[in-house]
Amino acid sequence: MPARVNGRVNEAIGRLRRSSGWARQVSAELGSVLLDTLGLGATVEWHVRQFQKCTGILYELTVNDAAGFDLPEGYAETMYDMYSEGLSNVARHSGASRVAIALTITPYEVTLVLHDNGIGLGDANPASGTGSIAAICARARAYKGSCEVKGTRSTGTTLTVSLPMSRAP
């Protein structure tokens, strides 16, 4: 590749990386504002609609907020961050065309389930590694919660995160 073309390609890649970082920052800040204003369920609903527009991955969302109260401090932000990271993994790695999301809030726990119809995990156990799934699981454990990742090759992947309400970090 001629040096001039190579330079332009590198410049374009640099711009894309900067704009991608900016977009993630804006999305995170907007998510924080929405969490404070609308709550966790409505913020997830807004975000997954944007996700579908950007990725073309269809979604099914179920929100069951039986508790009807504000979550303890930090819970909404933590659950939203874990949801967002899990959904980002669906977009980056799964090859899925659909994702089902269930968010359940009870007086005893907050549970998030993400299930995609993608390529699955095969023999991998991302919860024990150093990637973003491992980080999600570590964050759940910091809240005395649980994190489970299941999936076999070509059956999709299911991420289940649950945080108990009675024991804040």
N, C-alpha and C. Protein backbone atom coordinates (compact mmCIF):
# COMPACT_ATOMS: atom_id res chain seq x y z
N MET A 1 0.85 -1.17 0.00
CA MET A 1 0.00 0.00 0.00
C MET A 1 0.90 1.24 0.00
N PRO A 2 0.64 2.21 -0.88
CA PRO A 2 1.45 3.43 -0.91
C PRO A 2 1.40 4.15 0.43
N ALA A 3 2.48 4.84 0.76
CA ALA A 3 2.59 5.52 2.05
C ALA A 3 1.46 6.53 2.27
N ARG A 4 1.08 7.25 1.21
CA ARG A 4 0.02 8.26 1.34
C ARG A 4 -1.31 7.62 1.73
N VAL A 5 -1.64 6.51 1.08
CA VAL A 5 -2.89 5.80 1.39
C VAL A 5 -2.83 5.22 2.79
N ASN A 6 -1.68 4.63 3.14
CA ASN A 6 -1.51 4.06 4.46
C ASN A 6 -1.68 5.12 5.54
N GLY A 7 -1.13 6.30 5.29
CA GLY A 7 -1.27 7.40 6.24
C GLY A 7 -2.72 7.82 6.42
N ARG A 8 -3.47 7.88 5.33
CA ARG A 8 -4.89 8.25 5.40
C ARG A 8 -5.70 7.18 6.13
N VAL A 9 -5.38 5.92 5.88
CA VAL A 9 -6.07 4.83 6.57
C VAL A 9 -5.80 4.92 8.07
N ASN A 10 -4.55 5.13 8.45
CA ASN A 10 -4.21 5.26 9.87
C ASN A 10 -4.90 6.46 10.50
N GLU A 11 -4.98 7.55 9.78
CA GLU A 11 -5.67 8.74 10.27
C GLU A 11 -7.16 8.45 10.47
N ALA A 12 -7.77 7.78 9.52
CA ALA A 12 -9.20 7.44 9.63
C ALA A 12 -9.44 6.50 10.81
N ILE A 13 -8.55 5.54 11.00
CA ILE A 13 -8.68 4.61 12.13
C ILE A 13 -8.57 5.37 13.45
N GLY A 14 -7.64 6.32 13.53
CA GLY A 14 -7.49 7.14 14.73
C GLY A 14 -8.75 7.95 15.02
N ARG A 15 -9.34 8.54 13.99
CA ARG A 15 -10.59 9.29 14.18
C ARG A 15 -11.71 8.39 14.67
N LEU A 16 -11.80 7.22 14.07
CA LEU A 16 -12.85 6.27 14.46
C LEU A 16 -12.68 5.86 15.92
N ARG A 17 -11.46 5.59 16.34
CA ARG A 17 -11.22 5.22 17.73
C ARG A 17 -11.58 6.36 18.67
N ARG A 18 -11.21 7.58 18.32
CA ARG A 18 -11.54 8.72 19.18
C ARG A 18 -13.05 8.93 19.25
N SER A 19 -13.74 8.83 18.11
CA SER A 19 -15.19 9.04 18.11
C SER A 19 -15.89 7.90 18.83
N SER A 20 -15.37 6.69 18.72
CA SER A 20 -15.95 5.55 19.43
C SER A 20 -15.82 5.75 20.93
N GLY A 21 -14.67 6.19 21.39
CA GLY A 21 -14.46 6.49 22.81
C GLY A 21 -15.38 7.59 23.28
N TRP A 22 -15.54 8.62 22.46
CA TRP A 22 -16.44 9.73 22.79
C TRP A 22 -17.87 9.23 22.88
N ALA A 23 -18.28 8.39 21.93
CA ALA A 23 -19.65 7.87 21.93
C ALA A 23 -19.90 7.03 23.18
N ARG A 24 -18.93 6.21 23.58
CA ARG A 24 -19.09 5.42 24.80
C ARG A 24 -19.22 6.32 26.01
N GLN A 25 -18.43 7.39 26.06
CA GLN A 25 -18.48 8.31 27.20
C GLN A 25 -19.84 9.00 27.26
N VAL A 26 -20.32 9.48 26.13
CA VAL A 26 -21.63 10.15 26.09
C VAL A 26 -22.72 9.17 26.49
N SER A 27 -22.64 7.95 25.99
CA SER A 27 -23.63 6.93 26.32
C SER A 27 -23.63 6.65 27.82
N ALA A 28 -22.45 6.54 28.41
CA ALA A 28 -22.35 6.29 29.85
C ALA A 28 -22.93 7.45 30.64
N GLU A 29 -22.61 8.67 30.24
CA GLU A 29 -23.14 9.83 30.94
C GLU A 29 -24.65 9.94 30.80
N LEU A 30 -25.15 9.69 29.60
CA LEU A 30 -26.59 9.73 29.37
C LEU A 30 -27.28 8.64 30.17
N GLY A 31 -26.67 7.45 30.21
CA GLY A 31 -27.22 6.35 31.01
C GLY A 31 -27.33 6.74 32.47
N SER A 32 -26.32 7.43 32.99
CA SER A 32 -26.33 7.87 34.39
C SER A 32 -27.46 8.85 34.65
N VAL A 33 -27.65 9.79 33.74
CA VAL A 33 -28.74 10.77 33.88
C VAL A 33 -30.09 10.06 33.83
N LEU A 34 -30.23 9.13 32.88
CA LEU A 34 -31.49 8.40 32.77
C LEU A 34 -31.76 7.55 34.00
N LEU A 35 -30.73 6.91 34.56
CA LEU A 35 -30.90 6.13 35.78
C LEU A 35 -31.45 6.99 36.90
N ASP A 36 -30.88 8.18 37.06
CA ASP A 36 -31.33 9.09 38.11
C ASP A 36 -32.75 9.57 37.88
N THR A 37 -33.12 9.74 36.61
CA THR A 37 -34.42 10.30 36.26
C THR A 37 -35.51 9.24 36.14
N LEU A 38 -35.22 8.16 35.40
CA LEU A 38 -36.24 7.18 35.05
C LEU A 38 -36.18 5.88 35.84
N GLY A 39 -35.02 5.56 36.38
CA GLY A 39 -34.85 4.29 37.06
C GLY A 39 -34.22 3.25 36.15
N LEU A 40 -33.90 2.12 36.74
CA LEU A 40 -33.16 1.07 36.04
C LEU A 40 -33.95 0.47 34.88
N GLY A 41 -35.18 0.06 35.12
CA GLY A 41 -35.96 -0.60 34.07
C GLY A 41 -36.14 0.25 32.83
N ALA A 42 -36.54 1.50 33.01
CA ALA A 42 -36.76 2.38 31.86
C ALA A 42 -35.45 2.71 31.15
N THR A 43 -34.37 2.81 31.89
CA THR A 43 -33.07 3.09 31.27
C THR A 43 -32.61 1.90 30.42
N VAL A 44 -32.79 0.70 30.92
CA VAL A 44 -32.46 -0.49 30.14
C VAL A 44 -33.32 -0.54 28.89
N GLU A 45 -34.61 -0.21 29.03
CA GLU A 45 -35.51 -0.20 27.87
C GLU A 45 -35.04 0.79 26.81
N TRP A 46 -34.67 2.00 27.23
CA TRP A 46 -34.16 3.00 26.29
C TRP A 46 -32.89 2.49 25.61
N HIS A 47 -31.97 1.97 26.42
CA HIS A 47 -30.67 1.55 25.88
C HIS A 47 -30.81 0.41 24.89
N VAL A 48 -31.65 -0.58 25.19
CA VAL A 48 -31.74 -1.73 24.29
C VAL A 48 -32.38 -1.34 22.96
N ARG A 49 -33.26 -0.34 22.97
CA ARG A 49 -33.79 0.16 21.69
C ARG A 49 -32.68 0.78 20.85
N GLN A 50 -31.81 1.54 21.48
CA GLN A 50 -30.67 2.14 20.77
C GLN A 50 -29.73 1.04 20.28
N PHE A 51 -29.51 0.04 21.11
CA PHE A 51 -28.67 -1.10 20.75
C PHE A 51 -29.19 -1.77 19.48
N GLN A 52 -30.49 -2.01 19.42
CA GLN A 52 -31.07 -2.65 18.24
C GLN A 52 -30.89 -1.79 17.01
N LYS A 53 -31.09 -0.48 17.14
CA LYS A 53 -30.90 0.42 15.99
C LYS A 53 -29.47 0.38 15.48
N CYS A 54 -28.51 0.32 16.40
CA CYS A 54 -27.10 0.36 16.02
C CYS A 54 -26.58 -0.96 15.51
N THR A 55 -27.07 -2.07 16.04
CA THR A 55 -26.49 -3.38 15.72
C THR A 55 -27.36 -4.22 14.80
N GLY A 56 -28.66 -3.95 14.78
CA GLY A 56 -29.58 -4.80 14.03
C GLY A 56 -29.96 -6.07 14.77
N ILE A 57 -29.42 -6.26 15.98
CA ILE A 57 -29.76 -7.43 16.78
C ILE A 57 -31.11 -7.18 17.45
N LEU A 58 -32.06 -8.05 17.18
CA LEU A 58 -33.40 -7.92 17.73
C LEU A 58 -33.38 -8.26 19.22
N TYR A 59 -34.30 -7.66 19.97
CA TYR A 59 -34.33 -7.92 21.40
C TYR A 59 -35.74 -8.24 21.87
N GLU A 60 -35.78 -8.94 22.97
CA GLU A 60 -37.01 -9.16 23.73
C GLU A 60 -36.67 -8.75 25.16
N LEU A 61 -37.43 -7.83 25.71
CA LEU A 61 -37.15 -7.30 27.04
C LEU A 61 -38.32 -7.57 27.97
N THR A 62 -38.01 -8.11 29.14
CA THR A 62 -38.99 -8.30 30.19
C THR A 62 -38.47 -7.60 31.44
N VAL A 63 -39.24 -6.66 31.95
CA VAL A 63 -38.87 -5.98 33.19
C VAL A 63 -39.98 -6.25 34.20
N ASN A 64 -39.59 -6.82 35.33
CA ASN A 64 -40.53 -7.09 36.40
C ASN A 64 -40.02 -6.38 37.64
N ASP A 65 -40.61 -5.25 37.93
CA ASP A 65 -40.21 -4.46 39.10
C ASP A 65 -41.28 -4.61 40.18
N ALA A 66 -41.34 -5.79 40.78
CA ALA A 66 -42.34 -6.07 41.80
C ALA A 66 -42.10 -5.28 43.07
N ALA A 67 -40.86 -4.86 43.28
CA ALA A 67 -40.53 -4.17 44.52
C ALA A 67 -41.14 -2.77 44.57
N GLY A 68 -41.12 -2.06 43.45
CA GLY A 68 -41.71 -0.74 43.39
C GLY A 68 -41.05 0.29 44.29
N PHE A 69 -39.78 0.14 44.54
CA PHE A 69 -39.07 1.10 45.38
C PHE A 69 -37.71 1.41 44.77
N ASP A 70 -37.06 2.42 45.30
CA ASP A 70 -35.73 2.77 44.82
C ASP A 70 -34.72 1.73 45.30
N LEU A 71 -33.82 1.38 44.43
CA LEU A 71 -32.77 0.43 44.78
C LEU A 71 -31.78 1.07 45.74
N PRO A 72 -31.11 0.27 46.56
CA PRO A 72 -30.05 0.82 47.42
C PRO A 72 -29.00 1.53 46.58
N GLU A 73 -28.32 2.47 47.18
CA GLU A 73 -27.32 3.26 46.47
C GLU A 73 -26.29 2.36 45.80
N GLY A 74 -26.03 2.66 44.55
CA GLY A 74 -25.04 1.93 43.77
C GLY A 74 -25.59 0.74 43.01
N TYR A 75 -26.73 0.21 43.41
CA TYR A 75 -27.26 -0.99 42.76
C TYR A 75 -27.69 -0.72 41.32
N ALA A 76 -28.43 0.34 41.09
CA ALA A 76 -28.89 0.62 39.72
C ALA A 76 -27.70 0.84 38.79
N GLU A 77 -26.72 1.61 39.23
CA GLU A 77 -25.55 1.87 38.41
C GLU A 77 -24.78 0.59 38.12
N THR A 78 -24.62 -0.23 39.15
CA THR A 78 -23.87 -1.49 38.99
C THR A 78 -24.61 -2.43 38.04
N MET A 79 -25.91 -2.59 38.23
CA MET A 79 -26.67 -3.48 37.34
C MET A 79 -26.66 -2.95 35.91
N TYR A 80 -26.80 -1.64 35.76
CA TYR A 80 -26.79 -1.06 34.41
C TYR A 80 -25.43 -1.28 33.74
N ASP A 81 -24.37 -1.09 34.49
CA ASP A 81 -23.03 -1.30 33.93
C ASP A 81 -22.83 -2.76 33.52
N MET A 82 -23.28 -3.69 34.35
CA MET A 82 -23.13 -5.11 34.01
C MET A 82 -24.00 -5.48 32.81
N TYR A 83 -25.23 -4.94 32.78
CA TYR A 83 -26.11 -5.16 31.64
C TYR A 83 -25.46 -4.63 30.35
N SER A 84 -24.96 -3.40 30.42
CA SER A 84 -24.36 -2.75 29.25
C SER A 84 -23.15 -3.52 28.75
N GLU A 85 -22.32 -3.97 29.67
CA GLU A 85 -21.13 -4.73 29.27
C GLU A 85 -21.52 -6.08 28.69
N GLY A 86 -22.51 -6.73 29.29
CA GLY A 86 -22.99 -8.00 28.76
C GLY A 86 -23.54 -7.85 27.35
N LEU A 87 -24.32 -6.79 27.14
CA LEU A 87 -24.90 -6.55 25.82
C LEU A 87 -23.82 -6.20 24.80
N SER A 88 -22.81 -5.49 25.24
CA SER A 88 -21.68 -5.17 24.38
C SER A 88 -20.98 -6.45 23.93
N ASN A 89 -20.87 -7.42 24.83
CA ASN A 89 -20.27 -8.71 24.46
C ASN A 89 -21.12 -9.44 23.43
N VAL A 90 -22.43 -9.34 23.56
CA VAL A 90 -23.32 -9.96 22.56
C VAL A 90 -23.00 -9.37 21.19
N ALA A 91 -22.89 -8.04 21.12
CA ALA A 91 -22.63 -7.38 19.84
C ALA A 91 -21.24 -7.73 19.29
N ARG A 92 -20.24 -7.79 20.14
CA ARG A 92 -18.87 -7.98 19.68
C ARG A 92 -18.51 -9.42 19.38
N HIS A 93 -19.05 -10.36 20.14
CA HIS A 93 -18.51 -11.72 20.08
C HIS A 93 -19.49 -12.81 19.67
N SER A 94 -20.79 -12.60 19.84
CA SER A 94 -21.72 -13.73 19.73
C SER A 94 -22.15 -14.09 18.32
N GLY A 95 -22.19 -13.11 17.43
CA GLY A 95 -22.76 -13.36 16.12
C GLY A 95 -24.27 -13.59 16.19
N ALA A 96 -24.88 -13.13 17.26
CA ALA A 96 -26.31 -13.36 17.50
C ALA A 96 -27.17 -12.47 16.62
N SER A 97 -28.39 -12.94 16.36
CA SER A 97 -29.39 -12.12 15.68
C SER A 97 -30.48 -11.68 16.65
N ARG A 98 -30.51 -12.31 17.84
CA ARG A 98 -31.52 -11.99 18.84
C ARG A 98 -30.90 -12.07 20.24
N VAL A 99 -31.45 -11.26 21.13
CA VAL A 99 -31.07 -11.33 22.54
C VAL A 99 -32.32 -11.14 23.38
N ALA A 100 -32.45 -11.96 24.41
CA ALA A 100 -33.55 -11.84 25.36
C ALA A 100 -32.97 -11.31 26.67
N ILE A 101 -33.62 -10.30 27.21
CA ILE A 101 -33.15 -9.65 28.44
C ILE A 101 -34.28 -9.70 29.44
N ALA A 102 -33.98 -10.15 30.65
CA ALA A 102 -34.96 -10.16 31.74
C ALA A 102 -34.34 -9.46 32.93
N LEU A 103 -35.03 -8.46 33.44
CA LEU A 103 -34.60 -7.72 34.63
C LEU A 103 -35.71 -7.88 35.66
N THR A 104 -35.37 -8.44 36.81
CA THR A 104 -36.34 -8.67 37.86
C THR A 104 -35.85 -8.02 39.14
N ILE A 105 -36.72 -7.20 39.72
CA ILE A 105 -36.39 -6.51 40.97
C ILE A 105 -37.43 -6.93 42.01
N THR A 106 -36.95 -7.55 43.08
CA THR A 106 -37.82 -7.94 44.19
C THR A 106 -37.28 -7.28 45.45
N PRO A 107 -38.00 -7.37 46.55
CA PRO A 107 -37.44 -6.83 47.80
C PRO A 107 -36.18 -7.55 48.25
N TYR A 108 -35.90 -8.72 47.67
CA TYR A 108 -34.78 -9.53 48.13
C TYR A 108 -33.58 -9.52 47.20
N GLU A 109 -33.81 -9.29 45.91
CA GLU A 109 -32.69 -9.31 44.97
C GLU A 109 -33.03 -8.61 43.66
N VAL A 110 -31.97 -8.30 42.93
CA VAL A 110 -32.09 -7.77 41.57
C VAL A 110 -31.40 -8.80 40.68
N THR A 111 -32.11 -9.26 39.65
CA THR A 111 -31.56 -10.28 38.77
C THR A 111 -31.63 -9.82 37.32
N LEU A 112 -30.56 -10.05 36.60
CA LEU A 112 -30.46 -9.74 35.19
C LEU A 112 -30.09 -11.02 34.45
N VAL A 113 -30.84 -11.32 33.40
CA VAL A 113 -30.53 -12.46 32.55
C VAL A 113 -30.43 -11.96 31.11
N LEU A 114 -29.31 -12.25 30.46
CA LEU A 114 -29.11 -11.96 29.04
C LEU A 114 -28.91 -13.30 28.34
N HIS A 115 -29.73 -13.57 27.33
CA HIS A 115 -29.57 -14.82 26.57
C HIS A 115 -29.56 -14.47 25.08
N ASP A 116 -28.50 -14.88 24.40
CA ASP A 116 -28.42 -14.63 22.95
C ASP A 116 -28.49 -15.94 22.20
N ASN A 117 -28.76 -15.84 20.90
CA ASN A 117 -28.83 -17.03 20.05
C ASN A 117 -27.58 -17.17 19.18
N GLY A 118 -26.46 -16.72 19.72
CA GLY A 118 -25.22 -16.69 18.94
C GLY A 118 -24.45 -17.99 18.94
N ILE A 119 -23.16 -17.87 18.72
CA ILE A 119 -22.30 -19.04 18.51
C ILE A 119 -22.03 -19.81 19.79
N GLY A 120 -22.30 -19.25 20.93
CA GLY A 120 -22.06 -19.95 22.20
C GLY A 120 -20.62 -19.88 22.64
N LEU A 121 -20.34 -20.58 23.72
CA LEU A 121 -19.02 -20.50 24.33
C LEU A 121 -18.07 -21.60 23.93
N GLY A 122 -18.58 -22.74 23.51
CA GLY A 122 -17.70 -23.88 23.29
C GLY A 122 -17.14 -24.33 24.62
N ASP A 123 -15.83 -24.51 24.69
CA ASP A 123 -15.20 -24.96 25.92
C ASP A 123 -14.73 -23.81 26.80
N ALA A 124 -14.93 -22.61 26.35
CA ALA A 124 -14.44 -21.44 27.09
C ALA A 124 -15.24 -21.23 28.37
N ASN A 125 -14.58 -20.70 29.39
CA ASN A 125 -15.23 -20.29 30.62
C ASN A 125 -14.82 -18.85 30.91
N PRO A 126 -15.50 -17.89 30.27
CA PRO A 126 -15.08 -16.49 30.40
C PRO A 126 -15.21 -15.94 31.80
N ALA A 127 -16.00 -16.56 32.64
CA ALA A 127 -16.17 -16.06 34.01
C ALA A 127 -14.89 -16.23 34.83
N SER A 128 -14.03 -17.16 34.43
CA SER A 128 -12.80 -17.40 35.19
C SER A 128 -11.59 -16.71 34.56
N GLY A 129 -11.78 -16.00 33.47
CA GLY A 129 -10.67 -15.36 32.77
C GLY A 129 -10.41 -13.95 33.26
N THR A 130 -9.94 -13.12 32.32
CA THR A 130 -9.62 -11.74 32.66
C THR A 130 -10.42 -10.75 31.83
N GLY A 131 -11.34 -11.22 31.02
CA GLY A 131 -12.11 -10.34 30.14
C GLY A 131 -13.28 -9.68 30.85
N SER A 132 -14.17 -9.13 30.04
CA SER A 132 -15.29 -8.36 30.59
C SER A 132 -16.30 -9.22 31.33
N ILE A 133 -16.49 -10.48 30.93
CA ILE A 133 -17.40 -11.36 31.67
C ILE A 133 -16.83 -11.63 33.06
N ALA A 134 -15.55 -11.85 33.14
CA ALA A 134 -14.90 -12.05 34.45
C ALA A 134 -15.06 -10.80 35.31
N ALA A 135 -14.96 -9.64 34.69
CA ALA A 135 -15.13 -8.38 35.43
C ALA A 135 -16.57 -8.24 35.94
N ILE A 136 -17.54 -8.63 35.11
CA ILE A 136 -18.94 -8.60 35.53
C ILE A 136 -19.13 -9.51 36.75
N CYS A 137 -18.57 -10.71 36.67
CA CYS A 137 -18.71 -11.66 37.78
C CYS A 137 -18.02 -11.15 39.04
N ALA A 138 -16.87 -10.55 38.90
CA ALA A 138 -16.16 -9.99 40.06
C ALA A 138 -16.99 -8.87 40.70
N ARG A 139 -17.61 -8.07 39.87
CA ARG A 139 -18.45 -6.98 40.38
C ARG A 139 -19.65 -7.54 41.14
N ALA A 140 -20.26 -8.59 40.61
CA ALA A 140 -21.39 -9.22 41.30
C ALA A 140 -20.94 -9.77 42.65
N ARG A 141 -19.78 -10.41 42.69
CA ARG A 141 -19.28 -10.95 43.96
C ARG A 141 -18.99 -9.84 44.97
N ALA A 142 -18.58 -8.66 44.49
CA ALA A 142 -18.33 -7.53 45.40
C ALA A 142 -19.61 -7.12 46.13
N TYR A 143 -20.76 -7.41 45.54
CA TYR A 143 -22.06 -7.13 46.16
C TYR A 143 -22.62 -8.38 46.83
N LYS A 144 -21.78 -9.39 47.04
CA LYS A 144 -22.19 -10.67 47.63
C LYS A 144 -23.22 -11.37 46.76
N GLY A 145 -23.16 -11.10 45.45
CA GLY A 145 -24.10 -11.67 44.51
C GLY A 145 -23.50 -12.84 43.76
N SER A 146 -24.22 -13.27 42.73
CA SER A 146 -23.78 -14.41 41.94
C SER A 146 -23.75 -14.04 40.46
N CYS A 147 -22.95 -14.78 39.73
CA CYS A 147 -22.81 -14.58 38.29
C CYS A 147 -22.59 -15.95 37.67
N GLU A 148 -23.41 -16.26 36.67
CA GLU A 148 -23.29 -17.55 36.02
C GLU A 148 -23.33 -17.34 34.52
N VAL A 149 -22.45 -18.03 33.81
CA VAL A 149 -22.39 -17.97 32.36
C VAL A 149 -22.54 -19.39 31.84
N LYS A 150 -23.53 -19.59 30.97
CA LYS A 150 -23.76 -20.91 30.39
C LYS A 150 -23.88 -20.78 28.89
N GLY A 151 -23.47 -21.79 28.20
CA GLY A 151 -23.63 -21.82 26.76
C GLY A 151 -22.77 -22.89 26.15
N THR A 152 -23.29 -23.49 25.13
CA THR A 152 -22.52 -24.46 24.39
C THR A 152 -22.45 -23.99 22.94
N ARG A 153 -21.50 -24.53 22.24
CA ARG A 153 -21.30 -24.12 20.85
C ARG A 153 -22.61 -24.18 20.08
N SER A 154 -22.94 -23.11 19.41
CA SER A 154 -24.10 -22.91 18.53
C SER A 154 -25.46 -22.94 19.22
N THR A 155 -25.49 -22.82 20.55
CA THR A 155 -26.78 -22.72 21.24
C THR A 155 -26.96 -21.38 21.93
N GLY A 156 -26.01 -20.50 21.77
CA GLY A 156 -26.10 -19.21 22.41
C GLY A 156 -25.48 -19.23 23.79
N THR A 157 -25.54 -18.08 24.43
CA THR A 157 -24.95 -17.90 25.75
C THR A 157 -25.96 -17.22 26.65
N THR A 158 -25.96 -17.63 27.91
CA THR A 158 -26.81 -17.00 28.92
C THR A 158 -25.94 -16.49 30.05
N LEU A 159 -26.09 -15.22 30.36
CA LEU A 159 -25.42 -14.59 31.49
C LEU A 159 -26.49 -14.26 32.52
N THR A 160 -26.32 -14.75 33.74
CA THR A 160 -27.26 -14.47 34.83
C THR A 160 -26.50 -13.83 35.97
N VAL A 161 -26.93 -12.65 36.37
CA VAL A 161 -26.32 -11.93 37.47
C VAL A 161 -27.41 -11.62 38.48
N SER A 162 -27.11 -11.87 39.74
CA SER A 162 -28.08 -11.60 40.80
C SER A 162 -27.38 -10.93 41.98
N LEU A 163 -27.97 -9.84 42.44
CA LEU A 163 -27.44 -9.13 43.60
C LEU A 163 -28.48 -9.16 44.72
N PRO A 164 -28.11 -9.64 45.91
CA PRO A 164 -29.04 -9.62 47.02
C PRO A 164 -29.25 -8.19 47.53
N MET A 165 -30.45 -7.89 47.96
CA MET A 165 -30.74 -6.54 48.47
C MET A 165 -30.28 -6.33 49.89
N SER A 166 -30.17 -7.39 50.64
CA SER A 166 -29.91 -7.24 52.07
C SER A 166 -28.46 -6.97 52.42
N ARG A 167 -27.53 -7.19 51.48
CA ARG A 167 -26.11 -7.04 51.82
C ARG A 167 -25.41 -6.15 50.81
N ALA A 168 -25.42 -4.86 51.04
CA ALA A 168 -24.70 -3.92 50.16
C ALA A 168 -23.20 -4.09 50.39
N PRO A 169 -22.37 -3.70 49.40
CA PRO A 169 -20.92 -3.88 49.53
C PRO A 169 -20.34 -3.02 50.62
